[in-house]
Amino acid sequence: MRIAYLGYDILLPCLRALEESGCSVMELFSFPTDNEFEFNRELRHFAGEKGIPFTERPIGLDDIHRLKGAGCEAVFCAGYLYRVPVDHSLPIVNIHPSLLPVGRGGWPMPVTILRGLTESGVTLHKMEEGFDTGDILLQQAFPVGPEDDLETMTAKIRTIAADLCRRMAADFDRLWAAGRPQGAGEYWPCPQKPDYTITAQTPPQETERILRAFFGFDCYLKTKEAEYRIVRGVFRPEPHARPFGTVETRPDGTRRYAVRGGIIETVGEKEESGA
């Protein structure tokens, strides 16, 4: 099967699974990444190693027509930033990290944790003009526990999504024809800065969820005097915490921040910048 692939490094196991399943990758489409939280280095390396055309420009309708004319049989989209034009003459499969039709939107994983939900999943669906609204092709759920954070959820998603891609590639025509409509769903807007900012009014349970929901990405602790950027923080309950916003720097360079009901302890990061 000849395919094109759209995405970046986070779901690279999907691309490898498709290739291992016998798919011939004609072109790779990505986007400029910040190389702090988002990367496409491995995707670029894959393209160079295999001699596959690679671009960071947005895919256009002319590209869809060109790919179709060159013998492309399907497009797989895995975390692609740009909007993908839909032409029903070329099947486009989107890999989405939630159990659709619930959790439509660009970043449902943090929302899952913020809401205290106990289940999430991965859905392969047909690409349509409406975000994440196309017929469901394959789907698999996984549990979300109180110990899970954004990184552990992402690890589960990477494994499940790769397996679903293998299944899709092995029986593409039948699964495509058997796609089932989603019906009414629920769109989750992407979290904004207030969703990952901790203040003196933030309850301990919410602080703990924020840190898990965005673990590995930006969180902020806002005091009257400063704003601290925390990328990998863990909440530790303490019955007699110091005044809110008190910062302790340890000899190894990590920090502890006093918040309501406890402290935030950084993990695997040595400094945070105040703003």
C-alpha atoms as a PDB file:
ATOM      1  CA  MET A   1       0.000   0.000   0.000  1.00  0.00           C
ATOM      2  CA  ARG A   2       1.398   3.418  -0.989  1.00  0.00           C
ATOM      3  CA  ILE A   3       0.802   6.142   1.595  1.00  0.00           C
ATOM      4  CA  ALA A   4       1.729   9.665   2.664  1.00  0.00           C
ATOM      5  CA  TYR A   5       2.274  10.477   6.336  1.00  0.00           C
ATOM      6  CA  LEU A   6       1.609  13.721   8.235  1.00  0.00           C
ATOM      7  CA  GLY A   7       2.933  14.352  11.735  1.00  0.00           C
ATOM      8  CA  TYR A   8       5.933  14.792  14.006  1.00  0.00           C
ATOM      9  CA  ASP A   9       8.002  12.697  16.407  1.00  0.00           C
ATOM     10  CA  ILE A  10       5.426  12.094  19.138  1.00  0.00           C
ATOM     11  CA  LEU A  11       3.617   9.369  17.158  1.00  0.00           C
ATOM     12  CA  LEU A  12       6.601   8.126  15.182  1.00  0.00           C
ATOM     13  CA  PRO A  13       5.815   4.517  16.269  1.00  0.00           C
ATOM     14  CA  CYS A  14       2.773   4.770  13.983  1.00  0.00           C
ATOM     15  CA  LEU A  15       4.939   5.500  10.966  1.00  0.00           C
ATOM     16  CA  ARG A  16       7.294   2.655  11.803  1.00  0.00           C
ATOM     17  CA  ALA A  17       4.340   0.304  12.302  1.00  0.00           C
ATOM     18  CA  LEU A  18       2.906   1.238   8.913  1.00  0.00           C
ATOM     19  CA  GLU A  19       6.238   0.649   7.203  1.00  0.00           C
ATOM     20  CA  GLU A  20       6.692  -2.682   8.996  1.00  0.00           C
ATOM     21  CA  SER A  21       3.213  -3.649   7.788  1.00  0.00           C
ATOM     22  CA  GLY A  22       4.324  -3.280   4.185  1.00  0.00           C
ATOM     23  CA  CYS A  23       3.281   0.304   3.460  1.00  0.00           C
ATOM     24  CA  SER A  24       5.467   2.260   1.062  1.00  0.00           C
ATOM     25  CA  VAL A  25       5.809   5.852   2.298  1.00  0.00           C
ATOM     26  CA  MET A  26       5.790   8.271  -0.637  1.00  0.00           C
ATOM     27  CA  GLU A  27       6.086  11.608   1.205  1.00  0.00           C
ATOM     28  CA  LEU A  28       6.361  12.967   4.741  1.00  0.00           C
ATOM     29  CA  PHE A  29       4.717  16.223   5.837  1.00  0.00           C
ATOM     30  CA  SER A  30       5.569  17.906   9.145  1.00  0.00           C
ATOM     31  CA  PHE A  31       5.707  21.461  10.524  1.00  0.00           C
ATOM     32  CA  PRO A  32       8.315  23.695  12.226  1.00  0.00           C
ATOM     33  CA  THR A  33       8.809  22.555  15.828  1.00  0.00           C
ATOM     34  CA  ASP A  34      10.142  24.367  18.898  1.00  0.00           C
ATOM     35  CA  ASN A  35      12.614  21.559  19.747  1.00  0.00           C
ATOM     36  CA  GLU A  36      11.732  21.945  23.415  1.00  0.00           C
ATOM     37  CA  PHE A  37       8.346  20.270  23.683  1.00  0.00           C
ATOM     38  CA  GLU A  38       7.742  19.272  20.062  1.00  0.00           C
ATOM     39  CA  PHE A  39      10.261  17.668  17.713  1.00  0.00           C
ATOM     40  CA  ASN A  40      10.453  16.315  14.188  1.00  0.00           C
ATOM     41  CA  ARG A  41      14.137  15.335  14.199  1.00  0.00           C
ATOM     42  CA  GLU A  42      13.425  11.606  14.137  1.00  0.00           C
ATOM     43  CA  LEU A  43      10.877  12.038  11.367  1.00  0.00           C
ATOM     44  CA  ARG A  44      13.371  14.063   9.345  1.00  0.00           C
ATOM     45  CA  HIS A  45      16.046  11.414   9.971  1.00  0.00           C
ATOM     46  CA  PHE A  46      13.629   8.682   8.873  1.00  0.00           C
ATOM     47  CA  ALA A  47      12.980  10.585   5.645  1.00  0.00           C
ATOM     48  CA  GLY A  48      16.695  11.072   4.954  1.00  0.00           C
ATOM     49  CA  GLU A  49      17.532   7.460   5.737  1.00  0.00           C
ATOM     50  CA  LYS A  50      14.790   6.140   3.443  1.00  0.00           C
ATOM     51  CA  GLY A  51      15.155   8.775   0.739  1.00  0.00           C
ATOM     52  CA  ILE A  52      11.576  10.008   1.232  1.00  0.00           C
ATOM     53  CA  PRO A  53      10.630  13.616   0.357  1.00  0.00           C
ATOM     54  CA  PHE A  54      10.099  15.677   3.543  1.00  0.00           C
ATOM     55  CA  THR A  55       8.559  19.113   3.982  1.00  0.00           C
ATOM     56  CA  GLU A  56       7.436  21.402   6.804  1.00  0.00           C
ATOM     57  CA  ARG A  57       5.052  23.438   4.666  1.00  0.00           C
ATOM     58  CA  PRO A  58       1.294  22.900   5.026  1.00  0.00           C
ATOM     59  CA  ILE A  59      -0.199  20.208   2.835  1.00  0.00           C
ATOM     60  CA  GLY A  60      -2.572  21.656   0.236  1.00  0.00           C
ATOM     61  CA  LEU A  61      -5.357  20.353  -1.941  1.00  0.00           C
ATOM     62  CA  ASP A  62      -2.945  20.347  -4.853  1.00  0.00           C
ATOM     63  CA  ASP A  63      -0.715  17.975  -2.880  1.00  0.00           C
ATOM     64  CA  ILE A  64      -3.668  15.655  -2.279  1.00  0.00           C
ATOM     65  CA  HIS A  65      -4.423  15.609  -6.021  1.00  0.00           C
ATOM     66  CA  ARG A  66      -0.739  15.150  -6.881  1.00  0.00           C
ATOM     67  CA  LEU A  67      -0.355  12.262  -4.444  1.00  0.00           C
ATOM     68  CA  LYS A  68      -3.503  10.615  -5.760  1.00  0.00           C
ATOM     69  CA  GLY A  69      -2.236  10.964  -9.338  1.00  0.00           C
ATOM     70  CA  ALA A  70       1.103   9.418  -8.369  1.00  0.00           C
ATOM     71  CA  GLY A  71      -0.572   6.311  -7.005  1.00  0.00           C
ATOM     72  CA  CYS A  72      -0.988   7.180  -3.335  1.00  0.00           C
ATOM     73  CA  GLU A  73      -3.704   5.001  -1.805  1.00  0.00           C
ATOM     74  CA  ALA A  74      -4.127   6.632   1.616  1.00  0.00           C
ATOM     75  CA  VAL A  75      -2.870   9.380   3.896  1.00  0.00           C
ATOM     76  CA  PHE A  76      -2.241   8.859   7.616  1.00  0.00           C
ATOM     77  CA  CYS A  77      -2.368  11.925   9.860  1.00  0.00           C
ATOM     78  CA  ALA A  78      -0.765  11.673  13.329  1.00  0.00           C
ATOM     79  CA  GLY A  79      -0.624  14.867  15.358  1.00  0.00           C
ATOM     80  CA  TYR A  80      -0.301  17.145  12.340  1.00  0.00           C
ATOM     81  CA  LEU A  81      -0.524  20.841  13.230  1.00  0.00           C
ATOM     82  CA  TYR A  82      -1.995  22.187   9.983  1.00  0.00           C
ATOM     83  CA  ARG A  83      -5.548  21.699   8.794  1.00  0.00           C
ATOM     84  CA  VAL A  84      -5.713  18.970   6.163  1.00  0.00           C
ATOM     85  CA  PRO A  85      -7.841  19.573   3.052  1.00  0.00           C
ATOM     86  CA  VAL A  86     -10.307  16.756   2.461  1.00  0.00           C
ATOM     87  CA  ASP A  87     -10.853  15.178  -0.936  1.00  0.00           C
ATOM     88  CA  HIS A  88     -12.891  11.996  -0.662  1.00  0.00           C
ATOM     89  CA  SER A  89     -11.177  10.469  -3.678  1.00  0.00           C
ATOM     90  CA  LEU A  90      -8.148   9.809  -1.423  1.00  0.00           C
ATOM     91  CA  PRO A  91      -8.777   8.183   1.983  1.00  0.00           C
ATOM     92  CA  ILE A  92      -7.288  10.136   4.894  1.00  0.00           C
ATOM     93  CA  VAL A  93      -7.008   8.434   8.286  1.00  0.00           C
ATOM     94  CA  ASN A  94      -6.609  10.579  11.381  1.00  0.00           C
ATOM     95  CA  ILE A  95      -5.110   9.190  14.601  1.00  0.00           C
ATOM     96  CA  HIS A  96      -6.791  10.868  17.572  1.00  0.00           C
ATOM     97  CA  PRO A  97      -5.856  10.474  21.278  1.00  0.00           C
ATOM     98  CA  SER A  98      -9.320  10.112  22.813  1.00  0.00           C
ATOM     99  CA  LEU A  99     -12.374   7.874  22.662  1.00  0.00           C
ATOM    100  CA  LEU A 100     -14.347   9.735  20.029  1.00  0.00           C
ATOM    101  CA  PRO A 101     -16.910  11.182  19.783  1.00  0.00           C
ATOM    102  CA  VAL A 102     -15.941  12.500  23.245  1.00  0.00           C
ATOM    103  CA  GLY A 103     -12.741  14.518  23.398  1.00  0.00           C
ATOM    104  CA  ARG A 104     -12.668  16.140  19.990  1.00  0.00           C
ATOM    105  CA  GLY A 105     -10.019  18.835  19.763  1.00  0.00           C
ATOM    106  CA  GLY A 106      -6.302  19.354  19.532  1.00  0.00           C
ATOM    107  CA  TRP A 107      -5.111  18.308  23.018  1.00  0.00           C
ATOM    108  CA  PRO A 108      -7.540  16.061  24.903  1.00  0.00           C
ATOM    109  CA  MET A 109      -4.988  14.296  27.133  1.00  0.00           C
ATOM    110  CA  PRO A 110      -4.548  17.089  29.723  1.00  0.00           C
ATOM    111  CA  VAL A 111      -8.301  17.639  29.815  1.00  0.00           C
ATOM    112  CA  THR A 112      -8.794  13.961  30.640  1.00  0.00           C
ATOM    113  CA  ILE A 113      -6.639  14.336  33.759  1.00  0.00           C
ATOM    114  CA  LEU A 114      -8.020  17.747  34.746  1.00  0.00           C
ATOM    115  CA  ARG A 115     -11.536  16.304  34.710  1.00  0.00           C
ATOM    116  CA  GLY A 116     -10.504  13.290  36.775  1.00  0.00           C
ATOM    117  CA  LEU A 117     -11.667  10.825  34.123  1.00  0.00           C
ATOM    118  CA  THR A 118     -10.682   7.194  34.539  1.00  0.00           C
ATOM    119  CA  GLU A 119     -10.614   6.153  30.890  1.00  0.00           C
ATOM    120  CA  SER A 120      -9.218   7.429  27.617  1.00  0.00           C
ATOM    121  CA  GLY A 121      -8.243   5.825  24.353  1.00  0.00           C
ATOM    122  CA  VAL A 122      -7.100   6.115  20.766  1.00  0.00           C
ATOM    123  CA  THR A 123      -9.366   6.400  17.727  1.00  0.00           C
ATOM    124  CA  LEU A 124      -8.579   6.004  14.052  1.00  0.00           C
ATOM    125  CA  HIS A 125     -11.220   7.810  12.014  1.00  0.00           C
ATOM    126  CA  LYS A 126     -11.897   9.178   8.559  1.00  0.00           C
ATOM    127  CA  MET A 127     -10.795  12.760   8.052  1.00  0.00           C
ATOM    128  CA  GLU A 128     -13.678  15.158   7.434  1.00  0.00           C
ATOM    129  CA  GLU A 129     -14.041  18.936   7.287  1.00  0.00           C
ATOM    130  CA  GLY A 130     -15.332  19.080  10.871  1.00  0.00           C
ATOM    131  CA  PHE A 131     -12.593  18.505  13.436  1.00  0.00           C
ATOM    132  CA  ASP A 132     -12.478  14.859  14.562  1.00  0.00           C
ATOM    133  CA  THR A 133     -15.975  14.111  13.258  1.00  0.00           C
ATOM    134  CA  GLY A 134     -15.321  11.424  10.627  1.00  0.00           C
ATOM    135  CA  ASP A 135     -16.489   7.828  10.763  1.00  0.00           C
ATOM    136  CA  ILE A 136     -14.693   5.659  13.334  1.00  0.00           C
ATOM    137  CA  LEU A 137     -12.463   2.971  11.837  1.00  0.00           C
ATOM    138  CA  LEU A 138     -10.739   1.476  14.882  1.00  0.00           C
ATOM    139  CA  GLN A 139     -10.734   2.339  18.561  1.00  0.00           C
ATOM    140  CA  GLN A 140      -9.145   1.083  21.766  1.00  0.00           C
ATOM    141  CA  ALA A 141      -9.621   2.260  25.350  1.00  0.00           C
ATOM    142  CA  PHE A 142      -7.122   2.324  28.199  1.00  0.00           C
ATOM    143  CA  PRO A 143      -7.483   3.121  31.918  1.00  0.00           C
ATOM    144  CA  VAL A 144      -6.279   6.407  33.400  1.00  0.00           C
ATOM    145  CA  GLY A 145      -5.315   6.124  37.056  1.00  0.00           C
ATOM    146  CA  PRO A 146      -4.512   8.682  39.759  1.00  0.00           C
ATOM    147  CA  GLU A 147      -0.823   8.003  39.175  1.00  0.00           C
ATOM    148  CA  ASP A 148      -0.956   8.815  35.462  1.00  0.00           C
ATOM    149  CA  ASP A 149       0.425  12.040  34.047  1.00  0.00           C
ATOM    150  CA  LEU A 150       0.772  13.450  30.534  1.00  0.00           C
ATOM    151  CA  GLU A 151       3.944  11.453  29.895  1.00  0.00           C
ATOM    152  CA  THR A 152       2.514   8.092  30.964  1.00  0.00           C
ATOM    153  CA  MET A 153      -0.661   8.730  28.975  1.00  0.00           C
ATOM    154  CA  THR A 154       1.407   9.612  25.913  1.00  0.00           C
ATOM    155  CA  ALA A 155       3.420   6.401  26.273  1.00  0.00           C
ATOM    156  CA  LYS A 156       0.196   4.358  26.298  1.00  0.00           C
ATOM    157  CA  ILE A 157      -1.145   6.275  23.298  1.00  0.00           C
ATOM    158  CA  ARG A 158       2.047   5.690  21.289  1.00  0.00           C
ATOM    159  CA  THR A 159       1.851   1.935  21.842  1.00  0.00           C
ATOM    160  CA  ILE A 160      -1.875   1.606  21.158  1.00  0.00           C
ATOM    161  CA  ALA A 161      -1.842   3.910  18.132  1.00  0.00           C
ATOM    162  CA  ALA A 162       0.970   1.906  16.520  1.00  0.00           C
ATOM    163  CA  ASP A 163      -0.974  -1.321  17.037  1.00  0.00           C
ATOM    164  CA  LEU A 164      -4.123   0.199  15.525  1.00  0.00           C
ATOM    165  CA  CYS A 165      -2.108   1.353  12.513  1.00  0.00           C
ATOM    166  CA  ARG A 166      -0.858  -2.195  11.980  1.00  0.00           C
ATOM    167  CA  ARG A 167      -4.421  -3.471  12.073  1.00  0.00           C
ATOM    168  CA  MET A 168      -5.568  -0.736   9.705  1.00  0.00           C
ATOM    169  CA  ALA A 169      -2.814  -1.438   7.184  1.00  0.00           C
ATOM    170  CA  ALA A 170      -3.498  -5.189   7.276  1.00  0.00           C
ATOM    171  CA  ASP A 171      -7.179  -4.837   6.357  1.00  0.00           C
ATOM    172  CA  PHE A 172      -7.549  -1.316   5.014  1.00  0.00           C
ATOM    173  CA  ASP A 173     -10.308  -1.695   2.425  1.00  0.00           C
ATOM    174  CA  ARG A 174     -12.654  -3.648   4.691  1.00  0.00           C
ATOM    175  CA  LEU A 175     -12.112  -1.390   7.702  1.00  0.00           C
ATOM    176  CA  TRP A 176     -12.562   1.743   5.600  1.00  0.00           C
ATOM    177  CA  ALA A 177     -15.840   0.444   4.154  1.00  0.00           C
ATOM    178  CA  ALA A 178     -17.049  -0.521   7.638  1.00  0.00           C
ATOM    179  CA  GLY A 179     -16.463   2.901   9.219  1.00  0.00           C
ATOM    180  CA  ARG A 180     -19.273   3.860  11.597  1.00  0.00           C
ATOM    181  CA  PRO A 181     -20.656   7.388  12.050  1.00  0.00           C
ATOM    182  CA  GLN A 182     -19.824   9.114  15.326  1.00  0.00           C
ATOM    183  CA  GLY A 183     -23.065  10.916  15.938  1.00  0.00           C
ATOM    184  CA  ALA A 184     -23.235  13.696  18.520  1.00  0.00           C
ATOM    185  CA  GLY A 185     -19.958  14.350  20.303  1.00  0.00           C
ATOM    186  CA  GLU A 186     -18.131  16.626  22.682  1.00  0.00           C
ATOM    187  CA  TYR A 187     -15.472  19.132  21.633  1.00  0.00           C
ATOM    188  CA  TRP A 188     -12.767  19.993  24.184  1.00  0.00           C
ATOM    189  CA  PRO A 189     -11.027  23.317  23.492  1.00  0.00           C
ATOM    190  CA  CYS A 190      -7.259  23.300  23.895  1.00  0.00           C
ATOM    191  CA  PRO A 191      -6.213  24.278  27.433  1.00  0.00           C
ATOM    192  CA  GLN A 192      -5.129  27.902  27.853  1.00  0.00           C
ATOM    193  CA  LYS A 193      -2.635  29.417  30.281  1.00  0.00           C
ATOM    194  CA  PRO A 194      -5.161  29.867  33.137  1.00  0.00           C
ATOM    195  CA  ASP A 195      -5.744  26.095  32.973  1.00  0.00           C
ATOM    196  CA  TYR A 196      -2.094  25.403  33.833  1.00  0.00           C
ATOM    197  CA  THR A 197      -1.438  28.277  36.230  1.00  0.00           C
ATOM    198  CA  ILE A 198      -1.405  27.668  39.993  1.00  0.00           C
ATOM    199  CA  THR A 199      -2.272  30.547  42.324  1.00  0.00           C
ATOM    200  CA  ALA A 200      -2.813  31.052  46.041  1.00  0.00           C
ATOM    201  CA  GLN A 201      -6.483  30.196  45.464  1.00  0.00           C
ATOM    202  CA  THR A 202      -5.841  26.847  43.740  1.00  0.00           C
ATOM    203  CA  PRO A 203      -6.986  23.917  45.935  1.00  0.00           C
ATOM    204  CA  PRO A 204      -4.422  21.160  46.585  1.00  0.00           C
ATOM    205  CA  GLN A 205      -6.339  18.574  44.546  1.00  0.00           C
ATOM    206  CA  GLU A 206      -6.450  20.889  41.554  1.00  0.00           C
ATOM    207  CA  THR A 207      -2.737  21.707  41.882  1.00  0.00           C
ATOM    208  CA  GLU A 208      -1.955  18.002  41.826  1.00  0.00           C
ATOM    209  CA  ARG A 209      -4.078  17.479  38.713  1.00  0.00           C
ATOM    210  CA  ILE A 210      -2.585  20.449  36.873  1.00  0.00           C
ATOM    211  CA  LEU A 211       0.938  19.172  37.465  1.00  0.00           C
ATOM    212  CA  ARG A 212       0.011  15.691  36.209  1.00  0.00           C
ATOM    213  CA  ALA A 213      -2.019  16.991  33.263  1.00  0.00           C
ATOM    214  CA  PHE A 214       0.863  19.075  31.901  1.00  0.00           C
ATOM    215  CA  PHE A 215       3.847  17.105  33.202  1.00  0.00           C
ATOM    216  CA  GLY A 216       6.710  17.700  30.774  1.00  0.00           C
ATOM    217  CA  PHE A 217       5.149  20.925  29.461  1.00  0.00           C
ATOM    218  CA  ASP A 218       4.813  24.436  30.855  1.00  0.00           C
ATOM    219  CA  CYS A 219       2.996  24.992  34.134  1.00  0.00           C
ATOM    220  CA  TYR A 220       3.110  28.280  36.032  1.00  0.00           C
ATOM    221  CA  LEU A 221       3.077  29.239  39.676  1.00  0.00           C
ATOM    222  CA  LYS A 222       1.855  32.816  40.041  1.00  0.00           C
ATOM    223  CA  THR A 223       2.473  34.845  43.193  1.00  0.00           C
ATOM    224  CA  LYS A 224       2.013  38.552  43.853  1.00  0.00           C
ATOM    225  CA  GLU A 225       5.696  39.148  43.177  1.00  0.00           C
ATOM    226  CA  ALA A 226       6.627  36.686  40.434  1.00  0.00           C
ATOM    227  CA  GLU A 227       5.605  33.977  38.018  1.00  0.00           C
ATOM    228  CA  TYR A 228       7.592  30.739  38.007  1.00  0.00           C
ATOM    229  CA  ARG A 229       7.743  28.347  35.073  1.00  0.00           C
ATOM    230  CA  ILE A 230       7.609  24.685  36.086  1.00  0.00           C
ATOM    231  CA  VAL A 231       7.983  21.958  33.489  1.00  0.00           C
ATOM    232  CA  ARG A 232       8.219  18.782  35.571  1.00  0.00           C
ATOM    233  CA  GLY A 233       6.643  19.299  38.968  1.00  0.00           C
ATOM    234  CA  VAL A 234       5.108  16.892  41.469  1.00  0.00           C
ATOM    235  CA  PHE A 235       2.745  17.865  44.289  1.00  0.00           C
ATOM    236  CA  ARG A 236       3.729  16.659  47.791  1.00  0.00           C
ATOM    237  CA  PRO A 237       1.136  17.143  50.559  1.00  0.00           C
ATOM    238  CA  GLU A 238       2.526  18.749  53.713  1.00  0.00           C
ATOM    239  CA  PRO A 239       0.390  19.581  56.757  1.00  0.00           C
ATOM    240  CA  HIS A 240       2.462  22.612  57.732  1.00  0.00           C
ATOM    241  CA  ALA A 241       3.549  24.163  54.465  1.00  0.00           C
ATOM    242  CA  ARG A 242       5.399  27.463  54.414  1.00  0.00           C
ATOM    243  CA  PRO A 243       3.813  30.679  53.086  1.00  0.00           C
ATOM    244  CA  PHE A 244       2.538  30.398  49.525  1.00  0.00           C
ATOM    245  CA  GLY A 245       5.198  31.016  46.909  1.00  0.00           C
ATOM    246  CA  THR A 246       8.190  30.378  49.176  1.00  0.00           C
ATOM    247  CA  VAL A 247      10.967  28.920  47.034  1.00  0.00           C
ATOM    248  CA  GLU A 248      13.724  26.629  48.247  1.00  0.00           C
ATOM    249  CA  THR A 249      16.624  25.756  45.944  1.00  0.00           C
ATOM    250  CA  ARG A 250      18.358  22.507  46.791  1.00  0.00           C
ATOM    251  CA  PRO A 251      22.094  21.801  46.369  1.00  0.00           C
ATOM    252  CA  ASP A 252      21.384  19.722  43.244  1.00  0.00           C
ATOM    253  CA  GLY A 253      19.652  22.696  41.606  1.00  0.00           C
ATOM    254  CA  THR A 254      16.068  21.433  41.864  1.00  0.00           C
ATOM    255  CA  ARG A 255      13.461  23.559  43.615  1.00  0.00           C
ATOM    256  CA  ARG A 256      10.550  23.286  46.038  1.00  0.00           C
ATOM    257  CA  TYR A 257       7.647  25.729  45.872  1.00  0.00           C
ATOM    258  CA  ALA A 258       5.210  26.180  48.753  1.00  0.00           C
ATOM    259  CA  VAL A 259       1.547  26.030  47.651  1.00  0.00           C
ATOM    260  CA  ARG A 260      -1.803  25.408  49.343  1.00  0.00           C
ATOM    261  CA  GLY A 261      -1.674  22.121  51.246  1.00  0.00           C
ATOM    262  CA  GLY A 262       1.894  21.208  50.395  1.00  0.00           C
ATOM    263  CA  ILE A 263       4.807  21.836  48.062  1.00  0.00           C
ATOM    264  CA  ILE A 264       5.653  21.435  44.391  1.00  0.00           C
ATOM    265  CA  GLU A 265       8.891  19.538  43.948  1.00  0.00           C
ATOM    266  CA  THR A 266      10.609  19.640  40.588  1.00  0.00           C
ATOM    267  CA  VAL A 267      11.669  16.356  39.008  1.00  0.00           C
ATOM    268  CA  GLY A 268      14.394  16.118  36.402  1.00  0.00           C
ATOM    269  CA  GLU A 269      14.710  19.862  35.862  1.00  0.00           C
ATOM    270  CA  LYS A 270      17.339  22.043  37.400  1.00  0.00           C
ATOM    271  CA  GLU A 271      15.986  25.542  37.038  1.00  0.00           C
ATOM    272  CA  GLU A 272      12.848  27.468  36.323  1.00  0.00           C
ATOM    273  CA  SER A 273      12.751  31.032  35.108  1.00  0.00           C
ATOM    274  CA  GLY A 274      10.701  33.712  36.825  1.00  0.00           C
ATOM    275  CA  ALA A 275       8.808  36.183  34.652  1.00  0.00           C
END
